[in-house]
Amino acid sequence: MAVLHDQPEILTVEQTAAVLQVSKETVYRYIHTGLLLASRIGRGYRVPRSNVERRLWNQRIRQDIQLREYTDEELDHFLRDDESTPEQREIVARILRNAERRGQ
């Protein structure tokens, strides 16, 4: 679920509300009713990004579409396989440098 890769691994209630486009009160309700797993840290809650992604998938419109459940190990393996190689990162860096030069 690469839905929220631009978000931090751990979200505040405010960040979670912004991502889900709901109020903070709705996020608190999700947490208190168990619809969204979170940890209490100090006076606030922290929500793992993966739990927000799961919430989005669990609330999908088409319930007839079955999603395969993956273990954490399988997900880690997928993410490792999807990482760029040093050569690929260098190619991207060159492209970006060339684009910056053209933009100046």
C-alpha atoms as a PDB file:
ATOM      1  CA  MET A   1       0.000   0.000   0.000  1.00  0.00           C
ATOM      2  CA  ALA A   2       2.024   2.878  -1.237  1.00  0.00           C
ATOM      3  CA  VAL A   3      -0.755   5.360  -0.724  1.00  0.00           C
ATOM      4  CA  LEU A   4       0.983   7.656   1.750  1.00  0.00           C
ATOM      5  CA  HIS A   5       4.696   7.354   1.065  1.00  0.00           C
ATOM      6  CA  ASP A   6       5.191  11.116   1.332  1.00  0.00           C
ATOM      7  CA  GLN A   7       3.932  11.049   4.935  1.00  0.00           C
ATOM      8  CA  PRO A   8       6.053  10.277   8.018  1.00  0.00           C
ATOM      9  CA  GLU A   9       5.982   6.760   9.464  1.00  0.00           C
ATOM     10  CA  ILE A  10       4.198   8.010  12.588  1.00  0.00           C
ATOM     11  CA  LEU A  11       1.396  10.580  12.316  1.00  0.00           C
ATOM     12  CA  THR A  12      -0.195  12.889  14.854  1.00  0.00           C
ATOM     13  CA  VAL A  13      -3.972  13.059  15.135  1.00  0.00           C
ATOM     14  CA  GLU A  14      -3.891  16.329  13.178  1.00  0.00           C
ATOM     15  CA  GLN A  15      -1.826  14.794  10.369  1.00  0.00           C
ATOM     16  CA  THR A  16      -4.084  11.737  10.296  1.00  0.00           C
ATOM     17  CA  ALA A  17      -7.166  13.937  10.039  1.00  0.00           C
ATOM     18  CA  ALA A  18      -5.603  15.867   7.161  1.00  0.00           C
ATOM     19  CA  VAL A  19      -4.683  12.682   5.288  1.00  0.00           C
ATOM     20  CA  LEU A  20      -8.133  11.149   5.746  1.00  0.00           C
ATOM     21  CA  GLN A  21      -9.815  14.513   5.133  1.00  0.00           C
ATOM     22  CA  VAL A  22     -11.881  14.232   8.292  1.00  0.00           C
ATOM     23  CA  SER A  23     -11.997  16.194  11.553  1.00  0.00           C
ATOM     24  CA  LYS A  24      -9.737  15.499  14.521  1.00  0.00           C
ATOM     25  CA  GLU A  25     -12.843  14.442  16.425  1.00  0.00           C
ATOM     26  CA  THR A  26     -13.513  11.752  13.818  1.00  0.00           C
ATOM     27  CA  VAL A  27      -9.946  10.464  14.191  1.00  0.00           C
ATOM     28  CA  TYR A  28     -10.378  10.329  17.980  1.00  0.00           C
ATOM     29  CA  ARG A  29     -13.655   8.431  17.485  1.00  0.00           C
ATOM     30  CA  TYR A  30     -11.910   5.965  15.132  1.00  0.00           C
ATOM     31  CA  ILE A  31      -9.222   5.437  17.781  1.00  0.00           C
ATOM     32  CA  HIS A  32     -11.647   5.002  20.691  1.00  0.00           C
ATOM     33  CA  THR A  33     -13.873   2.566  18.783  1.00  0.00           C
ATOM     34  CA  GLY A  34     -10.915   0.535  17.516  1.00  0.00           C
ATOM     35  CA  LEU A  35     -11.358   1.462  13.853  1.00  0.00           C
ATOM     36  CA  LEU A  36      -7.890   3.008  13.838  1.00  0.00           C
ATOM     37  CA  LEU A  37      -5.030   1.610  15.891  1.00  0.00           C
ATOM     38  CA  ALA A  38      -2.926   4.198  17.690  1.00  0.00           C
ATOM     39  CA  SER A  39      -0.545   4.496  20.625  1.00  0.00           C
ATOM     40  CA  ARG A  40      -0.925   6.918  23.473  1.00  0.00           C
ATOM     41  CA  ILE A  41       2.310   8.881  23.828  1.00  0.00           C
ATOM     42  CA  GLY A  42       2.258  11.438  26.630  1.00  0.00           C
ATOM     43  CA  ARG A  43      -0.939  13.427  26.265  1.00  0.00           C
ATOM     44  CA  GLY A  44      -1.492  12.642  22.602  1.00  0.00           C
ATOM     45  CA  TYR A  45      -1.904   9.775  20.210  1.00  0.00           C
ATOM     46  CA  ARG A  46       0.431   8.645  17.459  1.00  0.00           C
ATOM     47  CA  VAL A  47      -0.883   6.695  14.505  1.00  0.00           C
ATOM     48  CA  PRO A  48       1.396   4.501  12.385  1.00  0.00           C
ATOM     49  CA  ARG A  49       1.064   5.387   8.712  1.00  0.00           C
ATOM     50  CA  SER A  50       0.445   1.722   7.887  1.00  0.00           C
ATOM     51  CA  ASN A  51      -2.689   1.788  10.077  1.00  0.00           C
ATOM     52  CA  VAL A  52      -4.039   4.775   8.164  1.00  0.00           C
ATOM     53  CA  GLU A  53      -3.403   2.938   4.892  1.00  0.00           C
ATOM     54  CA  ARG A  54      -5.206  -0.142   6.232  1.00  0.00           C
ATOM     55  CA  ARG A  55      -8.140   2.029   7.299  1.00  0.00           C
ATOM     56  CA  LEU A  56      -8.411   3.397   3.770  1.00  0.00           C
ATOM     57  CA  TRP A  57      -8.340  -0.094   2.257  1.00  0.00           C
ATOM     58  CA  ASN A  58     -10.834  -1.466   4.771  1.00  0.00           C
ATOM     59  CA  GLN A  59     -13.282   1.305   3.912  1.00  0.00           C
ATOM     60  CA  ARG A  60     -13.150   0.757   0.160  1.00  0.00           C
ATOM     61  CA  ILE A  61     -16.415   0.910  -1.741  1.00  0.00           C
ATOM     62  CA  ARG A  62     -16.104  -2.432  -3.523  1.00  0.00           C
ATOM     63  CA  GLN A  63     -16.155  -5.030  -0.768  1.00  0.00           C
ATOM     64  CA  ASP A  64     -16.382  -7.795  -3.372  1.00  0.00           C
ATOM     65  CA  ILE A  65     -12.728  -7.219  -4.261  1.00  0.00           C
ATOM     66  CA  GLN A  66     -10.656  -9.453  -2.051  1.00  0.00           C
ATOM     67  CA  LEU A  67      -7.314  -8.121  -0.862  1.00  0.00           C
ATOM     68  CA  ARG A  68      -4.535 -10.464  -0.001  1.00  0.00           C
ATOM     69  CA  GLU A  69      -3.173 -10.107   3.500  1.00  0.00           C
ATOM     70  CA  TYR A  70       0.624  -9.798   3.684  1.00  0.00           C
ATOM     71  CA  THR A  71       2.834 -10.393   6.690  1.00  0.00           C
ATOM     72  CA  ASP A  72       5.184  -7.664   7.877  1.00  0.00           C
ATOM     73  CA  GLU A  73       8.086  -9.767   6.594  1.00  0.00           C
ATOM     74  CA  GLU A  74       6.535  -9.971   3.120  1.00  0.00           C
ATOM     75  CA  LEU A  75       5.934  -6.229   3.075  1.00  0.00           C
ATOM     76  CA  ASP A  76       9.532  -5.555   4.150  1.00  0.00           C
ATOM     77  CA  HIS A  77      10.720  -7.856   1.368  1.00  0.00           C
ATOM     78  CA  PHE A  78       8.590  -6.009  -1.218  1.00  0.00           C
ATOM     79  CA  LEU A  79       9.947  -2.663  -0.060  1.00  0.00           C
ATOM     80  CA  ARG A  80      13.568  -3.890  -0.194  1.00  0.00           C
ATOM     81  CA  ASP A  81      13.026  -5.226  -3.711  1.00  0.00           C
ATOM     82  CA  ASP A  82      11.548  -1.886  -4.755  1.00  0.00           C
ATOM     83  CA  GLU A  83      14.518   0.200  -3.569  1.00  0.00           C
ATOM     84  CA  SER A  84      16.593   1.960  -6.174  1.00  0.00           C
ATOM     85  CA  THR A  85      20.116   0.764  -6.856  1.00  0.00           C
ATOM     86  CA  PRO A  86      23.029   3.207  -6.511  1.00  0.00           C
ATOM     87  CA  GLU A  87      23.266   3.264 -10.313  1.00  0.00           C
ATOM     88  CA  GLN A  88      19.567   4.178 -10.638  1.00  0.00           C
ATOM     89  CA  ARG A  89      19.933   6.916  -8.022  1.00  0.00           C
ATOM     90  CA  GLU A  90      22.901   8.364  -9.930  1.00  0.00           C
ATOM     91  CA  ILE A  91      20.890   8.423 -13.162  1.00  0.00           C
ATOM     92  CA  VAL A  92      18.083  10.289 -11.412  1.00  0.00           C
ATOM     93  CA  ALA A  93      20.567  12.743  -9.892  1.00  0.00           C
ATOM     94  CA  ARG A  94      22.035  13.438 -13.355  1.00  0.00           C
ATOM     95  CA  ILE A  95      18.585  14.008 -14.829  1.00  0.00           C
ATOM     96  CA  LEU A  96      17.712  16.427 -12.031  1.00  0.00           C
ATOM     97  CA  ARG A  97      21.017  18.312 -12.403  1.00  0.00           C
ATOM     98  CA  ASN A  98      20.411  18.662 -16.154  1.00  0.00           C
ATOM     99  CA  ALA A  99      16.845  19.850 -15.551  1.00  0.00           C
ATOM    100  CA  GLU A 100      18.084  22.463 -13.058  1.00  0.00           C
ATOM    101  CA  ARG A 101      20.668  23.749 -15.546  1.00  0.00           C
ATOM    102  CA  ARG A 102      18.003  24.127 -18.227  1.00  0.00           C
ATOM    103  CA  GLY A 103      15.741  25.973 -15.810  1.00  0.00           C
ATOM    104  CA  GLN A 104      18.367  28.624 -14.976  1.00  0.00           C
END
